[in-house]
Protein backbone atom coordinates (compact mmCIF):
# COMPACT_ATOMS: atom_id res chain seq x y z
CA MET A 1 229.80 -16.10 115.96
CA PRO A 2 233.47 -16.20 116.86
CA GLY A 3 235.80 -18.91 115.71
CA ARG A 4 239.51 -19.10 116.28
CA GLY A 5 242.19 -18.55 113.67
CA THR A 6 244.27 -21.70 113.85
CA ALA A 7 246.95 -23.40 111.80
CA GLU A 8 244.40 -25.59 110.01
CA PRO A 9 245.03 -25.87 106.27
CA GLY A 10 243.23 -23.03 104.57
CA THR A 11 243.11 -20.77 107.62
CA VAL A 12 245.11 -17.62 108.18
CA GLY A 13 248.30 -17.43 110.20
CA THR A 14 248.20 -13.74 111.14
CA VAL A 15 248.91 -12.76 114.73
CA LEU A 16 245.30 -11.83 115.38
CA PRO A 17 242.87 -13.20 112.79
CA ASN A 18 239.33 -11.91 112.50
CA GLY A 19 237.88 -14.82 114.46
CA ASP A 20 240.07 -13.91 117.44
CA LEU A 21 239.24 -10.24 117.02
CA SER A 22 235.58 -11.18 117.15
CA ILE A 23 236.11 -12.91 120.49
CA LEU A 24 238.11 -10.00 121.91
CA LEU A 25 235.64 -7.37 120.72
CA GLY A 26 232.86 -9.35 122.36
CA THR A 27 234.87 -9.45 125.59
CA LEU A 28 235.41 -5.68 125.44
CA ALA A 29 231.70 -5.16 124.82
CA ALA A 30 230.87 -6.89 128.10
CA GLY A 31 232.81 -4.17 129.93
CA GLU A 32 231.01 -1.26 128.25
CA GLU A 33 227.50 0.15 128.41
CA GLY A 34 225.07 1.87 126.08
CA HIS A 35 226.10 2.79 122.55
CA ARG A 36 229.73 1.74 123.08
CA ARG A 37 228.66 -1.73 124.06
CA ARG A 38 226.35 -1.99 121.05
CA ALA A 39 229.09 -0.73 118.72
CA LEU A 40 231.55 -3.39 119.95
CA GLU A 41 228.91 -6.11 119.71
CA ARG A 42 228.13 -5.13 116.11
CA ALA A 43 231.83 -5.13 115.25
CA SER A 44 232.29 -8.50 116.94
CA ARG A 45 229.60 -9.98 114.71
CA ALA A 46 230.78 -8.15 111.59
CA ALA A 47 234.36 -9.38 112.05
CA MET A 48 233.21 -12.84 110.96
CA PHE A 49 232.19 -11.35 107.59
CA TRP A 50 235.04 -8.97 106.85
CA PRO A 51 236.35 -10.10 103.45
CA VAL A 52 239.99 -9.62 104.47
CA GLU A 53 241.89 -10.09 107.71
CA ALA A 54 241.88 -6.77 109.58
CA ALA A 55 245.57 -7.17 110.44
CA GLU A 56 246.49 -7.72 106.79
CA HIS A 57 244.30 -4.79 105.73
CA VAL A 58 246.22 -2.50 108.09
CA GLU A 59 249.58 -3.91 106.96
CA ALA A 60 248.60 -3.13 103.37
CA GLY A 61 247.91 0.50 104.28
CA GLY A 62 244.14 0.20 104.58
CA ASP A 63 241.98 2.01 107.10
CA LEU A 64 240.04 -0.09 109.62
CA THR A 65 237.00 2.09 109.06
CA ASP A 66 236.81 0.54 105.59
CA LEU A 67 235.45 -2.57 107.34
CA ALA A 68 231.77 -3.04 108.12
CA SER A 69 230.57 -1.78 111.52
CA VAL A 70 233.90 -0.10 112.29
CA GLY A 71 233.82 3.60 113.13
CA PRO A 72 236.73 5.65 114.50
CA TRP A 73 236.20 4.66 118.15
CA VAL A 74 235.93 0.93 117.37
CA ALA A 75 238.90 1.24 114.99
CA ALA A 76 240.97 2.60 117.87
CA ARG A 77 240.02 -0.40 120.03
CA ILE A 78 240.97 -2.80 117.23
CA THR A 79 244.29 -1.02 116.74
CA GLU A 80 245.02 -1.47 120.45
CA LEU A 81 244.25 -5.17 120.16
CA LEU A 82 246.43 -5.63 117.08
CA GLU A 83 249.35 -3.88 118.77
CA ALA A 84 249.00 -5.57 122.14
CA GLU A 85 248.78 -9.15 120.82
CA PRO A 86 246.63 -10.20 123.81
CA VAL A 87 245.92 -13.73 124.91
CA VAL A 88 242.68 -14.76 123.25
CA PRO A 89 240.23 -16.67 125.44
CA GLU A 90 239.02 -19.98 124.14
CA PRO A 91 235.58 -19.56 122.59
CA ASP A 92 232.80 -21.40 124.38
CA GLU A 93 231.67 -24.62 122.78
CA LEU A 94 228.67 -22.95 121.19
CA ARG A 95 230.94 -20.68 119.14
CA ARG A 96 233.82 -22.99 118.34
CA ASP A 97 235.02 -24.04 114.89
CA PHE A 98 233.22 -21.54 112.67
CA LEU A 99 235.08 -20.17 109.65
CA THR A 100 235.24 -16.44 109.06
CA LEU A 101 234.65 -15.13 105.54
CA ALA A 102 238.32 -14.15 105.35
CA GLN A 103 239.32 -17.71 106.28
CA ALA A 104 236.92 -19.17 103.74
CA ARG A 105 238.28 -16.97 100.97
CA ARG A 106 241.86 -17.78 101.94
CA ALA A 107 241.05 -21.48 101.79
CA LEU A 108 239.58 -21.10 98.31
CA ALA A 109 242.60 -19.06 97.20
CA GLU A 110 244.84 -21.86 98.44
CA HIS A 111 242.87 -24.35 96.32
CA PRO A 112 242.99 -22.72 92.87
CA GLY A 113 240.17 -23.78 90.63
CA TRP A 114 238.26 -25.46 93.47
CA ALA A 115 235.09 -23.52 92.68
CA ASP A 116 235.45 -24.16 88.96
CA GLY A 117 232.89 -26.62 87.70
CA LEU A 118 230.43 -26.06 90.52
CA ARG A 119 227.07 -26.71 88.91
CA GLY A 120 224.47 -26.14 91.58
CA ASP A 121 223.18 -25.23 95.03
CA LEU A 122 221.16 -27.98 96.68
CA GLN A 123 219.18 -26.19 99.38
CA MET A 124 217.16 -22.96 99.20
CA HIS A 125 213.75 -21.68 100.26
CA THR A 126 210.95 -19.65 98.71
CA THR A 127 207.64 -18.11 99.75
CA TYR A 128 206.17 -21.60 99.73
CA SER A 129 207.64 -21.80 103.25
CA ASP A 130 209.78 -19.11 104.91
CA GLY A 131 211.77 -17.67 102.00
CA ALA A 132 211.65 -14.06 100.81
CA LEU A 133 211.07 -14.65 97.07
CA ASP A 134 208.76 -16.78 94.98
CA VAL A 135 210.16 -19.72 93.04
CA ALA A 136 210.78 -17.86 89.76
CA ASP A 137 212.57 -14.96 91.41
CA MET A 138 214.72 -17.21 93.58
CA VAL A 139 215.80 -19.27 90.58
CA GLU A 140 216.51 -16.09 88.65
CA ALA A 141 218.68 -14.85 91.53
CA ALA A 142 220.57 -18.15 91.58
CA SER A 143 221.12 -17.98 87.81
CA ALA A 144 223.52 -15.09 88.46
CA TYR A 145 225.92 -17.77 89.77
CA SER A 146 225.78 -19.56 86.39
CA TYR A 147 224.36 -22.67 88.00
CA ALA A 148 223.04 -25.45 85.81
CA PHE A 149 220.60 -26.46 88.55
CA VAL A 150 219.31 -25.54 91.98
CA ALA A 151 217.13 -27.49 94.38
CA ILE A 152 214.03 -25.78 95.75
CA THR A 153 213.69 -27.33 99.19
CA ASP A 154 210.97 -25.62 101.17
CA HIS A 155 210.00 -26.95 104.58
CA SER A 156 207.44 -29.69 105.11
CA LYS A 157 204.15 -29.46 106.95
CA SER A 158 205.28 -30.26 110.52
CA LEU A 159 207.42 -27.12 110.72
CA LYS A 160 204.48 -24.79 111.12
CA ILE A 161 206.65 -21.91 112.35
CA ALA A 162 208.25 -21.90 108.89
CA HIS A 163 204.90 -22.25 107.07
CA GLY A 164 205.80 -25.75 105.95
CA MET A 165 204.05 -27.23 102.91
CA ASP A 166 201.47 -29.98 102.97
CA GLU A 167 201.10 -32.40 100.06
CA GLU A 168 198.64 -30.18 98.21
CA ARG A 169 200.92 -27.14 98.28
CA LEU A 170 203.90 -29.31 97.39
CA ALA A 171 202.06 -30.51 94.28
CA ARG A 172 201.15 -26.94 93.38
CA GLN A 173 204.78 -25.89 93.72
CA GLY A 174 205.80 -28.80 91.51
CA GLU A 175 203.48 -27.60 88.76
CA GLU A 176 204.97 -24.12 89.03
CA ILE A 177 208.50 -25.51 88.80
CA ALA A 178 207.58 -27.59 85.74
CA VAL A 179 206.28 -24.51 83.94
CA LEU A 180 209.38 -22.57 84.92
CA ASN A 181 211.68 -25.31 83.63
CA ASP A 182 209.80 -25.50 80.34
CA GLY A 183 210.50 -21.81 79.86
CA SER A 184 214.20 -22.19 80.62
CA ALA A 185 214.81 -25.31 78.56
CA ALA A 186 217.13 -23.44 76.20
CA GLY A 187 219.93 -23.25 78.76
CA GLY A 188 218.73 -21.48 81.89
CA THR A 189 219.11 -22.71 85.45
CA ARG A 190 216.97 -25.78 86.02
CA ALA A 191 214.97 -25.94 89.26
CA LEU A 192 214.82 -29.35 90.91
CA ARG A 193 211.67 -30.24 92.80
CA GLY A 194 212.75 -30.88 96.36
CA ILE A 195 211.78 -30.55 99.99
CA GLU A 196 213.41 -30.23 103.40
CA MET A 197 211.30 -32.83 105.18
CA ASP A 198 211.01 -33.20 108.93
CA VAL A 199 212.30 -36.58 110.08
CA PHE A 200 211.17 -37.86 113.46
CA GLU A 201 212.89 -39.94 116.15
CA ASP A 202 211.98 -43.25 114.52
CA GLY A 203 213.23 -42.13 111.09
CA SER A 204 209.79 -41.56 109.61
CA GLY A 205 209.00 -38.39 107.69
CA ASP A 206 205.99 -36.11 107.86
CA MET A 207 205.00 -36.36 104.18
CA ASP A 208 203.16 -38.97 102.14
CA PRO A 209 205.75 -41.13 100.33
CA ASP A 210 203.63 -41.00 97.16
CA ALA A 211 203.98 -37.19 97.13
CA LEU A 212 207.73 -37.48 97.68
CA ALA A 213 208.07 -39.95 94.80
CA ARG A 214 207.29 -37.14 92.36
CA LEU A 215 210.21 -35.03 93.61
CA ASP A 216 213.74 -34.86 92.24
CA ILE A 217 215.47 -34.79 95.64
CA VAL A 218 214.46 -35.12 99.29
CA LEU A 219 216.43 -33.62 102.14
CA GLY A 220 215.66 -35.13 105.54
CA ALA A 221 216.22 -32.88 108.55
CA PHE A 222 215.76 -32.87 112.31
CA HIS A 223 213.86 -29.90 113.75
CA THR A 224 212.75 -31.25 117.13
CA ASP A 225 214.53 -32.32 120.36
CA LEU A 226 217.76 -30.66 119.26
CA ARG A 227 219.19 -29.88 122.70
CA VAL A 228 219.32 -33.38 124.16
CA THR A 229 222.80 -34.33 125.36
CA GLU A 230 222.72 -38.11 125.11
CA ASP A 231 224.06 -39.97 122.09
CA ARG A 232 221.63 -39.87 119.15
CA THR A 233 223.38 -42.27 116.77
CA ASP A 234 220.26 -44.45 116.48
CA ARG A 235 218.25 -41.42 115.37
CA TYR A 236 220.68 -40.79 112.52
CA VAL A 237 220.74 -44.43 111.47
CA ALA A 238 216.93 -44.49 111.42
CA ALA A 239 216.77 -41.32 109.32
CA LEU A 240 219.26 -42.68 106.80
CA ALA A 241 217.24 -45.88 106.56
CA ASN A 242 214.15 -43.92 105.50
CA PRO A 243 213.83 -44.92 101.82
CA THR A 244 212.45 -41.51 100.79
CA VAL A 245 215.46 -39.54 102.13
CA HIS A 246 218.39 -38.82 99.81
CA VAL A 247 220.36 -36.23 101.80
CA LEU A 248 220.66 -35.70 105.54
CA ALA A 249 220.45 -31.90 105.89
CA HIS A 250 222.46 -29.87 108.44
CA PRO A 251 223.18 -33.13 110.25
CA ARG A 252 224.64 -31.90 113.54
CA THR A 253 221.83 -29.30 113.89
CA ARG A 254 224.13 -26.76 115.54
CA LYS A 255 223.49 -23.00 115.60
CA CYS A 256 226.27 -20.59 116.52
CA GLY A 257 225.84 -19.17 120.01
CA ARG A 258 222.47 -20.87 120.42
CA ARG A 259 222.68 -24.64 120.08
CA LEU A 260 225.54 -27.12 120.26
CA GLY A 261 223.77 -29.71 118.17
CA LEU A 262 223.32 -33.43 118.59
CA ARG A 263 225.95 -35.95 119.62
CA ALA A 264 226.54 -39.19 117.78
CA ASP A 265 229.07 -41.83 116.87
CA TRP A 266 229.91 -39.93 113.72
CA PRO A 267 232.12 -42.54 112.01
CA ARG A 268 229.23 -44.97 112.36
CA VAL A 269 226.75 -42.42 110.98
CA PHE A 270 228.93 -41.69 107.96
CA ALA A 271 229.67 -45.37 107.38
CA GLU A 272 225.92 -46.04 107.35
CA ALA A 273 225.36 -43.22 104.88
CA THR A 274 228.08 -44.64 102.63
CA LEU A 275 226.64 -48.15 102.86
CA LEU A 276 223.21 -46.85 101.81
CA ASP A 277 224.66 -44.47 99.17
CA LYS A 278 223.03 -41.50 100.93
CA ALA A 279 224.60 -38.04 101.15
CA VAL A 280 225.20 -35.74 104.09
CA GLU A 281 225.03 -31.99 103.75
CA ILE A 282 227.28 -29.03 104.29
CA ASP A 283 224.75 -26.36 105.19
CA ALA A 284 226.79 -23.30 104.24
CA SER A 285 224.78 -20.80 106.26
CA PRO A 286 227.42 -18.98 108.37
CA ASP A 287 225.44 -19.57 111.57
CA ARG A 288 225.32 -23.31 110.85
CA GLN A 289 228.42 -24.40 108.90
CA ASP A 290 227.10 -27.89 109.39
CA LEU A 291 228.82 -30.19 108.76
CA ASN A 292 231.95 -28.46 110.06
CA VAL A 293 235.50 -29.25 108.96
CA GLU A 294 236.22 -31.70 111.79
CA LEU A 295 233.22 -33.88 110.97
CA LEU A 296 233.77 -33.53 107.23
CA LYS A 297 237.17 -35.16 107.63
CA LEU A 298 235.48 -38.14 109.25
CA ALA A 299 232.93 -38.26 106.41
CA ARG A 300 235.80 -38.10 103.92
CA ASP A 301 237.52 -41.05 105.58
CA GLU A 302 234.31 -43.08 105.43
CA GLY A 303 233.82 -42.34 101.72
CA THR A 304 230.52 -40.52 102.20
CA GLN A 305 228.89 -38.40 99.51
CA ILE A 306 228.48 -34.69 100.23
CA SER A 307 225.78 -32.20 99.23
CA ILE A 308 226.33 -28.45 99.62
CA GLY A 309 223.42 -26.07 100.12
CA THR A 310 223.34 -22.42 101.11
CA ASP A 311 220.01 -22.83 102.91
CA ALA A 312 219.29 -19.44 101.37
CA HIS A 313 216.06 -17.73 102.38
CA HIS A 314 217.00 -14.48 100.63
CA PRO A 315 219.05 -13.87 97.45
CA VAL A 316 221.98 -12.35 99.34
CA GLU A 317 222.37 -15.64 101.21
CA LEU A 318 223.18 -17.48 97.98
CA GLY A 319 226.68 -16.07 98.43
CA PHE A 320 227.11 -18.29 101.49
CA ILE A 321 228.23 -21.02 99.10
CA GLU A 322 231.81 -19.84 99.80
CA PHE A 323 231.61 -21.20 103.35
CA GLY A 324 230.51 -24.62 102.13
CA LEU A 325 233.11 -24.81 99.38
CA ALA A 326 235.87 -23.72 101.75
CA ALA A 327 234.93 -26.31 104.36
CA ALA A 328 234.99 -29.04 101.72
CA ALA A 329 238.34 -27.83 100.41
CA ILE A 330 239.95 -27.69 103.87
CA ALA A 331 238.61 -31.16 104.67
CA GLU A 332 239.95 -32.40 101.32
CA ILE A 333 236.69 -33.95 100.17
CA PRO A 334 237.22 -35.42 96.70
CA ARG A 335 235.22 -33.37 94.21
CA GLU A 336 233.79 -36.49 92.61
CA ARG A 337 232.01 -37.17 95.91
CA ILE A 338 230.33 -33.74 96.00
CA LEU A 339 226.94 -33.79 94.28
CA ASN A 340 227.16 -30.12 93.32
CA TYR A 341 229.96 -30.84 90.85
CA GLY A 342 227.94 -33.46 89.01
CA THR A 343 225.61 -32.83 86.10
CA VAL A 344 221.90 -32.57 86.70
CA GLU A 345 221.51 -35.90 84.92
CA GLU A 346 223.95 -37.52 87.34
CA VAL A 347 222.13 -36.12 90.37
CA LEU A 348 218.78 -37.33 89.06
CA GLU A 349 220.17 -40.75 88.18
CA TRP A 350 221.48 -41.05 91.73
CA THR A 351 218.18 -40.16 93.40
CA ALA A 352 216.34 -42.46 90.98
CA SER A 353 218.70 -45.33 91.84
CA LEU A 354 217.95 -44.85 95.54
CA ARG A 355 214.23 -45.07 94.82
CA ASP A 356 214.74 -48.20 92.75
CA ARG A 357 216.54 -49.84 95.67
CA ALA A 358 213.88 -48.88 98.20
CA PRO A 359 211.84 -51.81 99.56
CA GLY A 360 208.49 -52.50 98.00
């Protein structure tokens, strides 16, 4: 999912950053066949996740074959690219403005202490929908990050492809989480009862509000009609007005190389979220990075609260938090406006206050 290395704060100023290498390797792949084409395509994808800039790695005396998906033949192609300093084509709109792992880590290095005090991850999935682990194992995996809390946010019933939960299964999961929290009361990671609920065109959700009232946090998300090109500002305003929704999850709904996402009057959307004291999410999944840095700057200017979630479906994906933290750092979001830096009591007080303000 190529993204360009630009002069944005927190990005890398090397001659040919990994995002540009990803684009160029993909271009080279189009001119090859068979195993060579597949090797270049794998390297193009892997370049987004190399932990260091390839150019800097070489300058420091490293071997390109140290990097994932780089064998001797691909290393030779990369060396040619680094030496030639070619003109890099603009990425198509579907692949624009995605951070590489090297960029994300550089951004965090340029903001010392930014990750200090991070207390939680506010979106992850379990076997109650389409996750790989059950609730206990997912929380245990997240505890390796020394989190005080995590939100378990499995999908709701309309998303059948993801085995979304109905109200009965949601209640059963809640009982399981309560037992788990009782066992970790002495200082373990607390699991918040949550859900990623489908929100429809008119702003309504697909779950009984009474069932949602027993949760700690509700993420509202769009999962239908995601490729329309007309302005969808009214859809966002309606979703934010839903009294059961606390956080608007992966708001733009983009997917790298697959879906551009919805269009809206974003300053108006963020102003509405601020007015209603709702939060918008940075979905830190590398294929989403939604909200991206450009939109986060608009949210910052409107004073909107931010929630960061890895959207992890497998323990390894919990590490995606770096992408979310880096985007927030580059966009200069004040830490006091990021829910993940608050205490669990502060998060719960906030969601409770939204419920108290909800009409009748």
